[in-house]
PDB file of all heavy atoms in Angstrom:
ATOM      1  N   TRP A   1     -15.396  17.951  19.446  1.00  0.00           N
ATOM      2  CA  TRP A   1     -15.823  17.840  18.014  1.00  0.00           C
ATOM      3  C   TRP A   1     -14.608  17.967  17.103  1.00  0.00           C
ATOM      4  O   TRP A   1     -13.935  19.019  17.142  1.00  0.00           O
ATOM      5  CB  TRP A   1     -16.821  18.947  17.719  1.00  0.00           C
ATOM      6  CG  TRP A   1     -18.100  18.909  18.420  1.00  0.00           C
ATOM      7  CD1 TRP A   1     -18.306  19.006  19.746  1.00  0.00           C
ATOM      8  CD2 TRP A   1     -19.449  18.839  17.852  1.00  0.00           C
ATOM      9  NE1 TRP A   1     -19.573  18.969  20.116  1.00  0.00           N
ATOM     10  CE2 TRP A   1     -20.328  18.855  18.916  1.00  0.00           C
ATOM     11  CE3 TRP A   1     -19.952  18.731  16.600  1.00  0.00           C
ATOM     12  CZ2 TRP A   1     -21.684  18.791  18.792  1.00  0.00           C
ATOM     13  CZ3 TRP A   1     -21.308  18.714  16.356  1.00  0.00           C
ATOM     14  CH2 TRP A   1     -22.153  18.668  17.435  1.00  0.00           C
ATOM     15  N   PRO A   2     -14.317  16.951  16.306  1.00  0.00           N
ATOM     16  CA  PRO A   2     -13.178  17.106  15.378  1.00  0.00           C
ATOM     17  C   PRO A   2     -13.567  17.655  14.018  1.00  0.00           C
ATOM     18  O   PRO A   2     -14.448  17.160  13.387  1.00  0.00           O
ATOM     19  CB  PRO A   2     -12.663  15.640  15.275  1.00  0.00           C
ATOM     20  CG  PRO A   2     -13.878  14.829  15.439  1.00  0.00           C
ATOM     21  CD  PRO A   2     -14.789  15.591  16.323  1.00  0.00           C
ATOM     22  N   ILE A   3     -12.893  18.768  13.638  1.00  0.00           N
ATOM     23  CA  ILE A   3     -13.096  19.220  12.261  1.00  0.00           C
ATOM     24  C   ILE A   3     -11.939  18.552  11.459  1.00  0.00           C
ATOM     25  O   ILE A   3     -10.793  18.946  11.594  1.00  0.00           O
ATOM     26  CB  ILE A   3     -12.964  20.765  12.214  1.00  0.00           C
ATOM     27  CG1 ILE A   3     -14.102  21.410  13.008  1.00  0.00           C
ATOM     28  CG2 ILE A   3     -13.031  21.286  10.778  1.00  0.00           C
ATOM     29  CD1 ILE A   3     -14.052  22.914  13.105  1.00  0.00           C
ATOM     30  N   VAL A   4     -12.297  17.562  10.655  1.00  0.00           N
ATOM     31  CA  VAL A   4     -11.294  16.770   9.991  1.00  0.00           C
ATOM     32  C   VAL A   4     -11.035  17.242   8.492  1.00  0.00           C
ATOM     33  O   VAL A   4     -12.018  17.172   7.701  1.00  0.00           O
ATOM     34  CB  VAL A   4     -11.695  15.285  10.030  1.00  0.00           C
ATOM     35  CG1 VAL A   4     -10.521  14.426   9.471  1.00  0.00           C
ATOM     36  CG2 VAL A   4     -12.023  14.830  11.463  1.00  0.00           C
ATOM     37  N   GLU A   5      -9.853  17.641   8.283  1.00  0.00           N
ATOM     38  CA  GLU A   5      -9.487  18.123   6.930  1.00  0.00           C
ATOM     39  C   GLU A   5      -9.583  16.849   5.943  1.00  0.00           C
ATOM     40  O   GLU A   5      -9.536  15.673   6.382  1.00  0.00           O
ATOM     41  CB  GLU A   5      -8.056  18.669   6.846  1.00  0.00           C
ATOM     42  CG  GLU A   5      -7.978  20.131   6.797  1.00  0.00           C
ATOM     43  CD  GLU A   5      -8.741  20.716   5.621  1.00  0.00           C
ATOM     44  OE1 GLU A   5      -8.691  20.115   4.598  1.00  0.00           O
ATOM     45  OE2 GLU A   5      -9.193  21.890   5.777  1.00  0.00           O
ATOM     46  N   LYS A   6      -9.677  17.150   4.729  1.00  0.00           N
ATOM     47  CA  LYS A   6      -9.726  16.120   3.682  1.00  0.00           C
ATOM     48  C   LYS A   6      -8.310  15.805   3.200  1.00  0.00           C
ATOM     49  O   LYS A   6      -7.467  16.751   3.279  1.00  0.00           O
ATOM     50  CB  LYS A   6     -10.651  16.475   2.526  1.00  0.00           C
ATOM     51  CG  LYS A   6     -10.265  17.806   1.777  1.00  0.00           C
ATOM     52  CD  LYS A   6     -10.825  19.031   2.439  1.00  0.00           C
ATOM     53  CE  LYS A   6     -10.180  20.263   1.840  1.00  0.00           C
ATOM     54  NZ  LYS A   6     -10.483  21.454   2.659  1.00  0.00           N
ATOM     55  N   PRO A   7      -8.108  14.644   2.683  1.00  0.00           N
ATOM     56  CA  PRO A   7      -8.960  13.524   2.774  1.00  0.00           C
ATOM     57  C   PRO A   7      -9.179  13.034   4.239  1.00  0.00           C
ATOM     58  O   PRO A   7      -8.338  13.106   5.054  1.00  0.00           O
ATOM     59  CB  PRO A   7      -8.298  12.394   1.951  1.00  0.00           C
ATOM     60  CG  PRO A   7      -6.813  12.838   1.920  1.00  0.00           C
ATOM     61  CD  PRO A   7      -6.774  14.306   2.002  1.00  0.00           C
ATOM     62  N   PHE A   8     -10.448  12.524   4.448  1.00  0.00           N
ATOM     63  CA  PHE A   8     -10.922  12.226   5.788  1.00  0.00           C
ATOM     64  C   PHE A   8     -10.015  11.176   6.496  1.00  0.00           C
ATOM     65  O   PHE A   8      -9.598  11.372   7.592  1.00  0.00           O
ATOM     66  CB  PHE A   8     -12.339  11.653   5.579  1.00  0.00           C
ATOM     67  CG  PHE A   8     -13.073  11.265   6.829  1.00  0.00           C
ATOM     68  CD1 PHE A   8     -13.173  12.118   7.914  1.00  0.00           C
ATOM     69  CD2 PHE A   8     -13.607   9.949   6.931  1.00  0.00           C
ATOM     70  CE1 PHE A   8     -13.895  11.772   9.061  1.00  0.00           C
ATOM     71  CE2 PHE A   8     -14.318   9.592   8.066  1.00  0.00           C
ATOM     72  CZ  PHE A   8     -14.444  10.517   9.133  1.00  0.00           C
ATOM     73  N   THR A   9      -9.724  10.070   5.782  1.00  0.00           N
ATOM     74  CA  THR A   9      -8.755   9.012   6.308  1.00  0.00           C
ATOM     75  C   THR A   9      -8.370   8.312   5.033  1.00  0.00           C
ATOM     76  O   THR A   9      -8.455   8.732   3.935  1.00  0.00           O
ATOM     77  CB  THR A   9      -9.403   8.139   7.371  1.00  0.00           C
ATOM     78  OG1 THR A   9      -8.413   7.276   7.933  1.00  0.00           O
ATOM     79  CG2 THR A   9     -10.596   7.426   6.867  1.00  0.00           C
ATOM     80  N   GLY A  10      -7.864   7.052   5.268  1.00  0.00           N
ATOM     81  CA  GLY A  10      -7.484   6.217   4.140  1.00  0.00           C
ATOM     82  C   GLY A  10      -6.609   5.080   4.480  1.00  0.00           C
ATOM     83  O   GLY A  10      -6.654   4.586   5.637  1.00  0.00           O
ATOM     84  N   PHE A  11      -5.864   4.591   3.523  1.00  0.00           N
ATOM     85  CA  PHE A  11      -4.883   3.485   3.785  1.00  0.00           C
ATOM     86  C   PHE A  11      -3.491   4.069   3.559  1.00  0.00           C
ATOM     87  O   PHE A  11      -3.214   4.683   2.590  1.00  0.00           O
ATOM     88  CB  PHE A  11      -5.111   2.364   2.731  1.00  0.00           C
ATOM     89  CG  PHE A  11      -3.996   1.330   2.739  1.00  0.00           C
ATOM     90  CD1 PHE A  11      -3.730   0.539   3.791  1.00  0.00           C
ATOM     91  CD2 PHE A  11      -3.106   1.336   1.644  1.00  0.00           C
ATOM     92  CE1 PHE A  11      -2.699  -0.351   3.736  1.00  0.00           C
ATOM     93  CE2 PHE A  11      -2.078   0.393   1.581  1.00  0.00           C
ATOM     94  CZ  PHE A  11      -1.854  -0.418   2.668  1.00  0.00           C
ATOM     95  N   PHE A  12      -2.611   3.794   4.541  1.00  0.00           N
ATOM     96  CA  PHE A  12      -1.320   4.403   4.567  1.00  0.00           C
ATOM     97  C   PHE A  12      -0.147   3.409   4.739  1.00  0.00           C
ATOM     98  O   PHE A  12       0.845   3.681   5.383  1.00  0.00           O
ATOM     99  CB  PHE A  12      -1.267   5.453   5.774  1.00  0.00           C
ATOM    100  CG  PHE A  12      -2.396   6.431   5.665  1.00  0.00           C
ATOM    101  CD1 PHE A  12      -3.508   6.269   6.424  1.00  0.00           C
ATOM    102  CD2 PHE A  12      -2.304   7.459   4.782  1.00  0.00           C
ATOM    103  CE1 PHE A  12      -4.574   7.181   6.285  1.00  0.00           C
ATOM    104  CE2 PHE A  12      -3.350   8.401   4.662  1.00  0.00           C
ATOM    105  CZ  PHE A  12      -4.465   8.225   5.425  1.00  0.00           C
ATOM    106  N   GLY A  13      -0.324   2.263   4.047  1.00  0.00           N
ATOM    107  CA  GLY A  13       0.765   1.375   3.933  1.00  0.00           C
ATOM    108  C   GLY A  13       0.735   0.249   4.976  1.00  0.00           C
ATOM    109  O   GLY A  13      -0.202   0.188   5.798  1.00  0.00           O
ATOM    110  N   ASP A  14       1.715  -0.633   4.856  1.00  0.00           N
ATOM    111  CA  ASP A  14       1.653  -1.842   5.683  1.00  0.00           C
ATOM    112  C   ASP A  14       2.608  -1.714   6.951  1.00  0.00           C
ATOM    113  O   ASP A  14       2.898  -2.623   7.643  1.00  0.00           O
ATOM    114  CB  ASP A  14       2.098  -3.050   4.902  1.00  0.00           C
ATOM    115  CG  ASP A  14       3.443  -2.895   4.239  1.00  0.00           C
ATOM    116  OD1 ASP A  14       4.197  -1.972   4.553  1.00  0.00           O
ATOM    117  OD2 ASP A  14       3.825  -3.744   3.412  1.00  0.00           O
ATOM    118  N   GLY A  15       3.075  -0.474   7.162  1.00  0.00           N
ATOM    119  CA  GLY A  15       4.008  -0.219   8.293  1.00  0.00           C
ATOM    120  C   GLY A  15       5.475  -0.346   7.960  1.00  0.00           C
ATOM    121  O   GLY A  15       6.350   0.101   8.835  1.00  0.00           O
ATOM    122  N   SER A  16       5.812  -0.803   6.819  1.00  0.00           N
ATOM    123  CA  SER A  16       7.220  -0.919   6.423  1.00  0.00           C
ATOM    124  C   SER A  16       7.818   0.432   6.020  1.00  0.00           C
ATOM    125  O   SER A  16       7.093   1.244   5.401  1.00  0.00           O
ATOM    126  CB  SER A  16       7.401  -1.932   5.379  1.00  0.00           C
ATOM    127  OG  SER A  16       6.716  -1.535   4.175  1.00  0.00           O
ATOM    128  N   GLU A  17       9.029   0.684   6.299  1.00  0.00           N
ATOM    129  CA  GLU A  17       9.644   1.875   6.024  1.00  0.00           C
ATOM    130  C   GLU A  17       9.781   2.168   4.544  1.00  0.00           C
ATOM    131  O   GLU A  17       9.668   3.285   4.006  1.00  0.00           O
ATOM    132  CB  GLU A  17      11.093   1.990   6.653  1.00  0.00           C
ATOM    133  CG  GLU A  17      11.827   3.333   6.485  1.00  0.00           C
ATOM    134  CD  GLU A  17      11.129   4.487   7.229  1.00  0.00           C
ATOM    135  OE1 GLU A  17      10.435   4.227   8.221  1.00  0.00           O
ATOM    136  OE2 GLU A  17      11.243   5.581   6.704  1.00  0.00           O
ATOM    137  N   ASP A  18      10.001   1.144   3.762  1.00  0.00           N
ATOM    138  CA  ASP A  18      10.141   1.208   2.321  1.00  0.00           C
ATOM    139  C   ASP A  18       8.887   0.920   1.541  1.00  0.00           C
ATOM    140  O   ASP A  18       8.930   0.554   0.399  1.00  0.00           O
ATOM    141  CB  ASP A  18      11.289   0.388   1.847  1.00  0.00           C
ATOM    142  CG  ASP A  18      11.068  -1.160   2.137  1.00  0.00           C
ATOM    143  OD1 ASP A  18      10.070  -1.414   2.925  1.00  0.00           O
ATOM    144  OD2 ASP A  18      11.809  -1.979   1.659  1.00  0.00           O
ATOM    145  N   PHE A  19       7.714   1.059   2.158  1.00  0.00           N
ATOM    146  CA  PHE A  19       6.461   0.768   1.493  1.00  0.00           C
ATOM    147  C   PHE A  19       6.223   1.528   0.163  1.00  0.00           C
ATOM    148  O   PHE A  19       6.616   2.714   0.060  1.00  0.00           O
ATOM    149  CB  PHE A  19       5.272   1.169   2.418  1.00  0.00           C
ATOM    150  CG  PHE A  19       3.910   0.914   1.784  1.00  0.00           C
ATOM    151  CD1 PHE A  19       3.380  -0.334   1.734  1.00  0.00           C
ATOM    152  CD2 PHE A  19       3.180   2.005   1.207  1.00  0.00           C
ATOM    153  CE1 PHE A  19       2.188  -0.598   1.100  1.00  0.00           C
ATOM    154  CE2 PHE A  19       1.968   1.754   0.636  1.00  0.00           C
ATOM    155  CZ  PHE A  19       1.490   0.461   0.559  1.00  0.00           C
ATOM    156  N   ASP A  20       5.842   0.780  -0.864  1.00  0.00           N
ATOM    157  CA  ASP A  20       5.582   1.341  -2.178  1.00  0.00           C
ATOM    158  C   ASP A  20       4.144   0.979  -2.540  1.00  0.00           C
ATOM    159  O   ASP A  20       3.802  -0.188  -2.727  1.00  0.00           O
ATOM    160  CB  ASP A  20       6.566   0.734  -3.244  1.00  0.00           C
ATOM    161  CG  ASP A  20       6.565   1.463  -4.555  1.00  0.00           C
ATOM    162  OD1 ASP A  20       5.402   1.737  -5.005  1.00  0.00           O
ATOM    163  OD2 ASP A  20       7.633   1.733  -5.056  1.00  0.00           O
ATOM    164  N   GLY A  21       3.371   2.041  -2.648  1.00  0.00           N
ATOM    165  CA  GLY A  21       1.931   1.822  -2.872  1.00  0.00           C
ATOM    166  C   GLY A  21       1.585   1.306  -4.246  1.00  0.00           C
ATOM    167  O   GLY A  21       0.510   0.804  -4.506  1.00  0.00           O
ATOM    168  N   ARG A  22       2.473   1.394  -5.206  1.00  0.00           N
ATOM    169  CA  ARG A  22       2.127   1.042  -6.561  1.00  0.00           C
ATOM    170  C   ARG A  22       1.848  -0.400  -6.738  1.00  0.00           C
ATOM    171  O   ARG A  22       0.930  -0.822  -7.523  1.00  0.00           O
ATOM    172  CB  ARG A  22       3.266   1.489  -7.484  1.00  0.00           C
ATOM    173  CG  ARG A  22       3.314   3.041  -7.747  1.00  0.00           C
ATOM    174  CD  ARG A  22       4.566   3.463  -8.408  1.00  0.00           C
ATOM    175  NE  ARG A  22       5.758   3.239  -7.605  1.00  0.00           N
ATOM    176  CZ  ARG A  22       6.947   3.708  -7.922  1.00  0.00           C
ATOM    177  NH1 ARG A  22       7.149   4.405  -9.041  1.00  0.00           N
ATOM    178  NH2 ARG A  22       7.984   3.565  -7.103  1.00  0.00           N
ATOM    179  N   GLY A  23       2.588  -1.243  -6.028  1.00  0.00           N
ATOM    180  CA  GLY A  23       2.411  -2.681  -6.180  1.00  0.00           C
ATOM    181  C   GLY A  23       1.575  -3.291  -5.149  1.00  0.00           C
ATOM    182  O   GLY A  23       1.416  -4.567  -5.195  1.00  0.00           O
ATOM    183  N   TYR A  24       1.082  -2.584  -4.214  1.00  0.00           N
ATOM    184  CA  TYR A  24       0.308  -3.185  -3.105  1.00  0.00           C
ATOM    185  C   TYR A  24      -1.131  -3.511  -3.574  1.00  0.00           C
ATOM    186  O   TYR A  24      -1.738  -2.732  -4.275  1.00  0.00           O
ATOM    187  CB  TYR A  24       0.283  -2.190  -1.939  1.00  0.00           C
ATOM    188  CG  TYR A  24      -0.274  -2.782  -0.643  1.00  0.00           C
ATOM    189  CD1 TYR A  24       0.545  -3.511   0.185  1.00  0.00           C
ATOM    190  CD2 TYR A  24      -1.662  -2.667  -0.247  1.00  0.00           C
ATOM    191  CE1 TYR A  24       0.036  -4.117   1.379  1.00  0.00           C
ATOM    192  CE2 TYR A  24      -2.162  -3.215   0.858  1.00  0.00           C
ATOM    193  CZ  TYR A  24      -1.280  -3.940   1.686  1.00  0.00           C
ATOM    194  OH  TYR A  24      -1.769  -4.532   2.849  1.00  0.00           O
ATOM    195  N   PRO A  25      -1.667  -4.680  -3.210  1.00  0.00           N
ATOM    196  CA  PRO A  25      -3.011  -5.048  -3.599  1.00  0.00           C
ATOM    197  C   PRO A  25      -4.099  -4.027  -3.176  1.00  0.00           C
ATOM    198  O   PRO A  25      -4.207  -3.712  -2.015  1.00  0.00           O
ATOM    199  CB  PRO A  25      -3.222  -6.421  -2.922  1.00  0.00           C
ATOM    200  CG  PRO A  25      -1.881  -6.975  -2.715  1.00  0.00           C
ATOM    201  CD  PRO A  25      -1.026  -5.734  -2.404  1.00  0.00           C
ATOM    202  N   LYS A  26      -4.813  -3.500  -4.098  1.00  0.00           N
ATOM    203  CA  LYS A  26      -5.703  -2.372  -3.821  1.00  0.00           C
ATOM    204  C   LYS A  26      -6.967  -2.824  -3.115  1.00  0.00           C
ATOM    205  O   LYS A  26      -7.594  -2.003  -2.457  1.00  0.00           O
ATOM    206  CB  LYS A  26      -6.024  -1.608  -5.090  1.00  0.00           C
ATOM    207  CG  LYS A  26      -4.832  -0.961  -5.729  1.00  0.00           C
ATOM    208  CD  LYS A  26      -4.065  -0.111  -4.780  1.00  0.00           C
ATOM    209  CE  LYS A  26      -2.877   0.657  -5.448  1.00  0.00           C
ATOM    210  NZ  LYS A  26      -1.800  -0.264  -5.763  1.00  0.00           N
ATOM    211  N   GLN A  27      -7.388  -4.151  -3.198  1.00  0.00           N
ATOM    212  CA  GLN A  27      -8.471  -4.584  -2.361  1.00  0.00           C
ATOM    213  C   GLN A  27      -8.075  -4.532  -0.933  1.00  0.00           C
ATOM    214  O   GLN A  27      -8.989  -4.126  -0.129  1.00  0.00           O
ATOM    215  CB  GLN A  27      -8.843  -6.019  -2.754  1.00  0.00           C
ATOM    216  CG  GLN A  27     -10.141  -6.543  -2.062  1.00  0.00           C
ATOM    217  CD  GLN A  27     -11.334  -5.678  -2.316  1.00  0.00           C
ATOM    218  OE1 GLN A  27     -11.720  -5.439  -3.389  1.00  0.00           O
ATOM    219  NE2 GLN A  27     -11.980  -5.269  -1.205  1.00  0.00           N
ATOM    220  N   LYS A  28      -6.888  -4.815  -0.587  1.00  0.00           N
ATOM    221  CA  LYS A  28      -6.419  -4.756   0.808  1.00  0.00           C
ATOM    222  C   LYS A  28      -6.449  -3.270   1.236  1.00  0.00           C
ATOM    223  O   LYS A  28      -6.735  -2.980   2.407  1.00  0.00           O
ATOM    224  CB  LYS A  28      -5.018  -5.365   1.015  1.00  0.00           C
ATOM    225  CG  LYS A  28      -4.938  -6.850   0.832  1.00  0.00           C
ATOM    226  CD  LYS A  28      -3.578  -7.385   1.150  1.00  0.00           C
ATOM    227  CE  LYS A  28      -3.517  -8.844   1.111  1.00  0.00           C
ATOM    228  NZ  LYS A  28      -2.109  -9.401   1.461  1.00  0.00           N
ATOM    229  N   ALA A  29      -5.982  -2.337   0.345  1.00  0.00           N
ATOM    230  CA  ALA A  29      -5.997  -0.968   0.724  1.00  0.00           C
ATOM    231  C   ALA A  29      -7.441  -0.505   0.924  1.00  0.00           C
ATOM    232  O   ALA A  29      -7.725   0.264   1.862  1.00  0.00           O
ATOM    233  CB  ALA A  29      -5.390  -0.207  -0.469  1.00  0.00           C
ATOM    234  N   LEU A  30      -8.405  -0.882   0.100  1.00  0.00           N
ATOM    235  CA  LEU A  30      -9.794  -0.591   0.267  1.00  0.00           C
ATOM    236  C   LEU A  30     -10.343  -1.078   1.574  1.00  0.00           C
ATOM    237  O   LEU A  30     -10.929  -0.316   2.390  1.00  0.00           O
ATOM    238  CB  LEU A  30     -10.681  -1.103  -0.887  1.00  0.00           C
ATOM    239  CG  LEU A  30     -12.214  -1.074  -0.738  1.00  0.00           C
ATOM    240  CD1 LEU A  30     -12.651   0.447  -0.538  1.00  0.00           C
ATOM    241  CD2 LEU A  30     -12.886  -1.710  -1.883  1.00  0.00           C
ATOM    242  N   ASP A  31     -10.031  -2.375   1.965  1.00  0.00           N
ATOM    243  CA  ASP A  31     -10.460  -2.930   3.192  1.00  0.00           C
ATOM    244  C   ASP A  31      -9.931  -2.128   4.360  1.00  0.00           C
ATOM    245  O   ASP A  31     -10.663  -1.901   5.364  1.00  0.00           O
ATOM    246  CB  ASP A  31     -10.052  -4.414   3.293  1.00  0.00           C
ATOM    247  CG  ASP A  31     -10.750  -5.265   2.243  1.00  0.00           C
ATOM    248  OD1 ASP A  31     -11.840  -4.826   1.740  1.00  0.00           O
ATOM    249  OD2 ASP A  31     -10.308  -6.363   1.968  1.00  0.00           O
ATOM    250  N   ALA A  32      -8.647  -1.798   4.325  1.00  0.00           N
ATOM    251  CA  ALA A  32      -8.002  -1.048   5.382  1.00  0.00           C
ATOM    252  C   ALA A  32      -8.605   0.330   5.592  1.00  0.00           C
ATOM    253  O   ALA A  32      -8.867   0.768   6.692  1.00  0.00           O
ATOM    254  CB  ALA A  32      -6.505  -0.972   5.164  1.00  0.00           C
ATOM    255  N   ALA A  33      -8.843   1.031   4.464  1.00  0.00           N
ATOM    256  CA  ALA A  33      -9.439   2.328   4.492  1.00  0.00           C
ATOM    257  C   ALA A  33     -10.807   2.293   5.032  1.00  0.00           C
ATOM    258  O   ALA A  33     -11.215   3.152   5.864  1.00  0.00           O
ATOM    259  CB  ALA A  33      -9.473   2.949   3.111  1.00  0.00           C
ATOM    260  N   MET A  34     -11.584   1.266   4.703  1.00  0.00           N
ATOM    261  CA  MET A  34     -12.980   1.170   5.252  1.00  0.00           C
ATOM    262  C   MET A  34     -12.912   0.816   6.783  1.00  0.00           C
ATOM    263  O   MET A  34     -13.813   1.214   7.454  1.00  0.00           O
ATOM    264  CB  MET A  34     -13.776   0.135   4.436  1.00  0.00           C
ATOM    265  CG  MET A  34     -14.034   0.572   3.006  1.00  0.00           C
ATOM    266  SD  MET A  34     -14.723   2.234   2.835  1.00  0.00           S
ATOM    267  CE  MET A  34     -16.311   2.053   3.690  1.00  0.00           C
ATOM    268  N   GLY A  35     -11.927   0.030   7.187  1.00  0.00           N
ATOM    269  CA  GLY A  35     -11.757  -0.225   8.514  1.00  0.00           C
ATOM    270  C   GLY A  35     -11.508   1.011   9.345  1.00  0.00           C
ATOM    271  O   GLY A  35     -12.060   1.234  10.395  1.00  0.00           O
ATOM    272  N   SER A  36     -10.671   1.913   8.773  1.00  0.00           N
ATOM    273  CA  SER A  36     -10.430   3.219   9.479  1.00  0.00           C
ATOM    274  C   SER A  36     -11.679   4.034   9.568  1.00  0.00           C
ATOM    275  O   SER A  36     -12.007   4.630  10.554  1.00  0.00           O
ATOM    276  CB  SER A  36      -9.356   3.989   8.655  1.00  0.00           C
ATOM    277  OG  SER A  36      -9.097   5.240   9.262  1.00  0.00           O
ATOM    278  N   VAL A  37     -12.442   4.070   8.430  1.00  0.00           N
ATOM    279  CA  VAL A  37     -13.702   4.863   8.425  1.00  0.00           C
ATOM    280  C   VAL A  37     -14.648   4.302   9.496  1.00  0.00           C
ATOM    281  O   VAL A  37     -15.187   5.103  10.275  1.00  0.00           O
ATOM    282  CB  VAL A  37     -14.385   4.764   7.026  1.00  0.00           C
ATOM    283  CG1 VAL A  37     -15.838   5.232   7.094  1.00  0.00           C
ATOM    284  CG2 VAL A  37     -13.626   5.504   5.954  1.00  0.00           C
ATOM    285  N   ARG A  38     -14.791   2.978   9.569  1.00  0.00           N
ATOM    286  CA  ARG A  38     -15.669   2.403  10.572  1.00  0.00           C
ATOM    287  C   ARG A  38     -15.271   2.710  11.994  1.00  0.00           C
ATOM    288  O   ARG A  38     -16.096   2.925  12.883  1.00  0.00           O
ATOM    289  CB  ARG A  38     -15.839   0.934  10.285  1.00  0.00           C
ATOM    290  CG  ARG A  38     -16.485   0.572   8.986  1.00  0.00           C
ATOM    291  CD  ARG A  38     -16.736  -0.921   8.785  1.00  0.00           C
ATOM    292  NE  ARG A  38     -17.275  -1.125   7.483  1.00  0.00           N
ATOM    293  CZ  ARG A  38     -16.650  -1.699   6.478  1.00  0.00           C
ATOM    294  NH1 ARG A  38     -15.351  -2.060   6.605  1.00  0.00           N
ATOM    295  NH2 ARG A  38     -17.195  -1.869   5.251  1.00  0.00           N
ATOM    296  N   ARG A  39     -13.953   2.717  12.232  1.00  0.00           N
ATOM    297  CA  ARG A  39     -13.518   2.992  13.596  1.00  0.00           C
ATOM    298  C   ARG A  39     -13.875   4.449  14.008  1.00  0.00           C
ATOM    299  O   ARG A  39     -14.247   4.739  15.134  1.00  0.00           O
ATOM    300  CB  ARG A  39     -12.034   2.778  13.723  1.00  0.00           C
ATOM    301  CG  ARG A  39     -11.648   1.302  13.691  1.00  0.00           C
ATOM    302  CD  ARG A  39     -10.160   1.054  14.057  1.00  0.00           C
ATOM    303  NE  ARG A  39      -9.270   1.559  13.025  1.00  0.00           N
ATOM    304  CZ  ARG A  39      -8.863   0.822  11.970  1.00  0.00           C
ATOM    305  NH1 ARG A  39      -9.313  -0.410  11.803  1.00  0.00           N
ATOM    306  NH2 ARG A  39      -8.023   1.377  11.123  1.00  0.00           N
TER     307      ARG A  39
END
């Protein structure tokens, strides 16, 4: 049983070392976060 601290999961970038979340398309972030939730 995992006791998962908050935030539960989310979107954590595209894998690039210099990722900057400010300019990243947020619909893609939402889709990725929901993919993590579903997994």
